[in-house]
Amino acid sequence: MVYIGKFDSVINRALQFEGVNYRYGGMSENGVDCSGLVCIAYDHINIPLAHSSSIMDAMGMEVEADDFQTVDLIFFKGRTNNTVSHVAIVSKIVDGFIHIAHSTIRRGVIEEILQNNSYFMKRWLFNRRII
């Protein structure tokens, strides 16, 4: 699906990687990790970001979920602690359902409805707006 709107080029760039396998530290069609996907998408509009979700979590401004825009970032904690270990891009919001684009270890880069993924719903920490 092609998205049209203010932030369409960021979302479209991220979704060009849909189906690409997860690779720790990856930033190419050969494999990409979660922060690498965000870096690639934002770099498409000349906004360079650190290739680390735990550094990205201090950028921009915090935003509440009820004020989401596409391209906002959602940060998630790991299984064993409350520190940031994963990041996703809000790709669209439809009828209150938050769609995210992210790179997952098992399924690679996907777009999915956040509320349908109990694993990430339990680990949702906070949200940031970079642009």
C-alpha atoms as a PDB file:
ATOM      1  CA  MET A   1       0.000   0.000   0.000  1.00  0.00           C
ATOM      2  CA  VAL A   2       1.267   3.512  -0.818  1.00  0.00           C
ATOM      3  CA  TYR A   3       0.556   6.212   1.736  1.00  0.00           C
ATOM      4  CA  ILE A   4      -0.208   9.819   0.780  1.00  0.00           C
ATOM      5  CA  GLY A   5       0.161  12.696   3.202  1.00  0.00           C
ATOM      6  CA  LYS A   6       2.587  15.001   4.951  1.00  0.00           C
ATOM      7  CA  PHE A   7       4.956  12.226   6.003  1.00  0.00           C
ATOM      8  CA  ASP A   8       4.345   9.822   3.124  1.00  0.00           C
ATOM      9  CA  SER A   9       7.967   9.594   2.007  1.00  0.00           C
ATOM     10  CA  VAL A  10       9.113   8.349   5.440  1.00  0.00           C
ATOM     11  CA  ILE A  11       6.413   5.683   5.631  1.00  0.00           C
ATOM     12  CA  ASN A  12       6.807   4.653   1.998  1.00  0.00           C
ATOM     13  CA  ARG A  13      10.564   4.284   2.462  1.00  0.00           C
ATOM     14  CA  ALA A  14      10.096   2.120   5.556  1.00  0.00           C
ATOM     15  CA  LEU A  15       7.538  -0.060   3.799  1.00  0.00           C
ATOM     16  CA  GLN A  16       9.882  -0.596   0.852  1.00  0.00           C
ATOM     17  CA  PHE A  17      11.686  -2.912   3.297  1.00  0.00           C
ATOM     18  CA  GLU A  18       8.585  -4.975   4.057  1.00  0.00           C
ATOM     19  CA  GLY A  19       9.590  -8.636   3.964  1.00  0.00           C
ATOM     20  CA  VAL A  20      13.314  -7.927   4.416  1.00  0.00           C
ATOM     21  CA  ASN A  21      14.809 -10.208   7.063  1.00  0.00           C
ATOM     22  CA  TYR A  22      15.924  -8.973  10.456  1.00  0.00           C
ATOM     23  CA  ARG A  23      19.654  -8.555  10.864  1.00  0.00           C
ATOM     24  CA  TYR A  24      21.242  -7.073  13.983  1.00  0.00           C
ATOM     25  CA  GLY A  25      22.995  -3.853  12.987  1.00  0.00           C
ATOM     26  CA  GLY A  26      21.608  -4.140   9.451  1.00  0.00           C
ATOM     27  CA  MET A  27      20.712  -1.163   7.303  1.00  0.00           C
ATOM     28  CA  SER A  28      20.224  -2.623   3.839  1.00  0.00           C
ATOM     29  CA  GLU A  29      18.030  -4.876   1.726  1.00  0.00           C
ATOM     30  CA  ASN A  30      20.221  -7.753   2.976  1.00  0.00           C
ATOM     31  CA  GLY A  31      18.815  -7.282   6.493  1.00  0.00           C
ATOM     32  CA  VAL A  32      17.721  -4.527   8.810  1.00  0.00           C
ATOM     33  CA  ASP A  33      17.113  -4.165  12.526  1.00  0.00           C
ATOM     34  CA  CYS A  34      14.466  -1.975  14.141  1.00  0.00           C
ATOM     35  CA  SER A  35      16.577   1.154  14.600  1.00  0.00           C
ATOM     36  CA  GLY A  36      18.181   0.655  11.191  1.00  0.00           C
ATOM     37  CA  LEU A  37      14.738   0.737   9.582  1.00  0.00           C
ATOM     38  CA  VAL A  38      13.918   4.004  11.371  1.00  0.00           C
ATOM     39  CA  CYS A  39      17.276   5.496  10.342  1.00  0.00           C
ATOM     40  CA  ILE A  40      16.739   4.549   6.698  1.00  0.00           C
ATOM     41  CA  ALA A  41      13.202   5.957   6.672  1.00  0.00           C
ATOM     42  CA  TYR A  42      14.150   9.291   8.264  1.00  0.00           C
ATOM     43  CA  ASP A  43      17.355   9.605   6.240  1.00  0.00           C
ATOM     44  CA  HIS A  44      15.102   9.577   3.168  1.00  0.00           C
ATOM     45  CA  ILE A  45      14.002  13.095   4.192  1.00  0.00           C
ATOM     46  CA  ASN A  46      17.503  14.136   5.329  1.00  0.00           C
ATOM     47  CA  ILE A  47      16.983  13.662   9.059  1.00  0.00           C
ATOM     48  CA  PRO A  48      19.919  11.609  10.321  1.00  0.00           C
ATOM     49  CA  LEU A  49      19.290   9.549  13.455  1.00  0.00           C
ATOM     50  CA  ALA A  50      21.595   7.456  15.611  1.00  0.00           C
ATOM     51  CA  HIS A  51      21.410   3.747  14.801  1.00  0.00           C
ATOM     52  CA  SER A  52      20.300   2.898  18.330  1.00  0.00           C
ATOM     53  CA  SER A  53      16.788   2.831  19.776  1.00  0.00           C
ATOM     54  CA  SER A  54      18.206   3.680  23.209  1.00  0.00           C
ATOM     55  CA  ILE A  55      19.697   6.911  21.803  1.00  0.00           C
ATOM     56  CA  MET A  56      16.659   7.762  19.651  1.00  0.00           C
ATOM     57  CA  ASP A  57      14.510   7.642  22.778  1.00  0.00           C
ATOM     58  CA  ALA A  58      15.877  11.029  23.877  1.00  0.00           C
ATOM     59  CA  MET A  59      15.315  12.812  20.563  1.00  0.00           C
ATOM     60  CA  GLY A  60      12.361  14.991  19.652  1.00  0.00           C
ATOM     61  CA  MET A  61       9.504  15.397  22.085  1.00  0.00           C
ATOM     62  CA  GLU A  62       7.313  12.991  23.971  1.00  0.00           C
ATOM     63  CA  VAL A  63       3.817  12.570  22.561  1.00  0.00           C
ATOM     64  CA  GLU A  64       0.733  10.852  23.944  1.00  0.00           C
ATOM     65  CA  ALA A  65      -0.854   8.005  21.994  1.00  0.00           C
ATOM     66  CA  ASP A  66      -4.094   9.944  21.555  1.00  0.00           C
ATOM     67  CA  ASP A  67      -2.093  12.645  19.728  1.00  0.00           C
ATOM     68  CA  PHE A  68      -0.199  10.308  17.345  1.00  0.00           C
ATOM     69  CA  GLN A  69       0.736  11.310  13.834  1.00  0.00           C
ATOM     70  CA  THR A  70       2.223   9.060  11.209  1.00  0.00           C
ATOM     71  CA  VAL A  71       6.028   8.803  11.553  1.00  0.00           C
ATOM     72  CA  ASP A  72       5.906   9.172  15.344  1.00  0.00           C
ATOM     73  CA  LEU A  73       8.074   6.577  17.064  1.00  0.00           C
ATOM     74  CA  ILE A  74       6.963   4.060  19.687  1.00  0.00           C
ATOM     75  CA  PHE A  75       9.542   2.598  22.058  1.00  0.00           C
ATOM     76  CA  PHE A  76       9.325  -0.779  23.744  1.00  0.00           C
ATOM     77  CA  LYS A  77      11.169  -2.435  26.620  1.00  0.00           C
ATOM     78  CA  GLY A  78      12.865  -5.790  26.568  1.00  0.00           C
ATOM     79  CA  ARG A  79      11.776  -8.958  28.315  1.00  0.00           C
ATOM     80  CA  THR A  80      13.986  -8.577  31.354  1.00  0.00           C
ATOM     81  CA  ASN A  81      14.096  -4.848  32.148  1.00  0.00           C
ATOM     82  CA  ASN A  82      12.449  -1.494  31.543  1.00  0.00           C
ATOM     83  CA  THR A  83      15.073  -0.078  29.194  1.00  0.00           C
ATOM     84  CA  VAL A  84      14.393   0.614  25.533  1.00  0.00           C
ATOM     85  CA  SER A  85      15.141  -2.346  23.287  1.00  0.00           C
ATOM     86  CA  HIS A  86      12.845  -1.846  20.270  1.00  0.00           C
ATOM     87  CA  VAL A  87      11.417   0.985  18.168  1.00  0.00           C
ATOM     88  CA  ALA A  88       8.610   1.153  15.597  1.00  0.00           C
ATOM     89  CA  ILE A  89       7.223   3.846  13.291  1.00  0.00           C
ATOM     90  CA  VAL A  90       3.535   4.745  13.334  1.00  0.00           C
ATOM     91  CA  SER A  91       2.549   4.092   9.721  1.00  0.00           C
ATOM     92  CA  LYS A  92      -1.143   4.991   9.956  1.00  0.00           C
ATOM     93  CA  ILE A  93      -4.058   5.251  12.363  1.00  0.00           C
ATOM     94  CA  VAL A  94      -7.423   3.863  11.306  1.00  0.00           C
ATOM     95  CA  ASP A  95     -10.483   3.909  13.584  1.00  0.00           C
ATOM     96  CA  GLY A  96      -8.247   4.157  16.655  1.00  0.00           C
ATOM     97  CA  PHE A  97      -6.031   1.269  15.575  1.00  0.00           C
ATOM     98  CA  ILE A  98      -2.344   2.137  15.452  1.00  0.00           C
ATOM     99  CA  HIS A  99      -0.489   0.557  12.562  1.00  0.00           C
ATOM    100  CA  ILE A 100       3.263   0.258  12.995  1.00  0.00           C
ATOM    101  CA  ALA A 101       6.140  -0.558  10.670  1.00  0.00           C
ATOM    102  CA  HIS A 102       9.052  -2.300  12.339  1.00  0.00           C
ATOM    103  CA  SER A 103      11.665  -4.996  11.972  1.00  0.00           C
ATOM    104  CA  THR A 104      10.976  -8.118  14.008  1.00  0.00           C
ATOM    105  CA  ILE A 105      13.402 -10.948  14.677  1.00  0.00           C
ATOM    106  CA  ARG A 106      11.047 -13.688  13.499  1.00  0.00           C
ATOM    107  CA  ARG A 107       9.115 -12.009  10.679  1.00  0.00           C
ATOM    108  CA  GLY A 108      11.495  -9.314   9.427  1.00  0.00           C
ATOM    109  CA  VAL A 109      10.047  -5.955   8.426  1.00  0.00           C
ATOM    110  CA  ILE A 110       6.279  -5.901   8.746  1.00  0.00           C
ATOM    111  CA  GLU A 111       3.383  -3.511   9.098  1.00  0.00           C
ATOM    112  CA  GLU A 112       0.853  -4.565  11.706  1.00  0.00           C
ATOM    113  CA  ILE A 113      -1.797  -3.262  14.058  1.00  0.00           C
ATOM    114  CA  LEU A 114      -0.167  -2.636  17.412  1.00  0.00           C
ATOM    115  CA  GLN A 115      -3.302  -3.477  19.404  1.00  0.00           C
ATOM    116  CA  ASN A 116      -3.330  -6.961  17.820  1.00  0.00           C
ATOM    117  CA  ASN A 117       0.145  -7.786  19.135  1.00  0.00           C
ATOM    118  CA  SER A 118      -0.017  -8.618  22.837  1.00  0.00           C
ATOM    119  CA  TYR A 119       3.777  -9.056  23.036  1.00  0.00           C
ATOM    120  CA  PHE A 120       4.444  -5.431  22.115  1.00  0.00           C
ATOM    121  CA  MET A 121       1.361  -4.037  23.876  1.00  0.00           C
ATOM    122  CA  LYS A 122       2.777  -5.348  27.186  1.00  0.00           C
ATOM    123  CA  ARG A 123       6.159  -3.783  26.478  1.00  0.00           C
ATOM    124  CA  TRP A 124       5.060  -0.340  25.232  1.00  0.00           C
ATOM    125  CA  LEU A 125       7.046   2.316  27.105  1.00  0.00           C
ATOM    126  CA  PHE A 126       6.526   5.733  25.476  1.00  0.00           C
ATOM    127  CA  ASN A 127       6.323   7.670  22.213  1.00  0.00           C
ATOM    128  CA  ARG A 128       8.419  10.374  20.577  1.00  0.00           C
ATOM    129  CA  ARG A 129       7.881  12.839  17.746  1.00  0.00           C
ATOM    130  CA  ILE A 130      11.029  13.594  15.783  1.00  0.00           C
ATOM    131  CA  ILE A 131       9.452  15.852  13.121  1.00  0.00           C
END
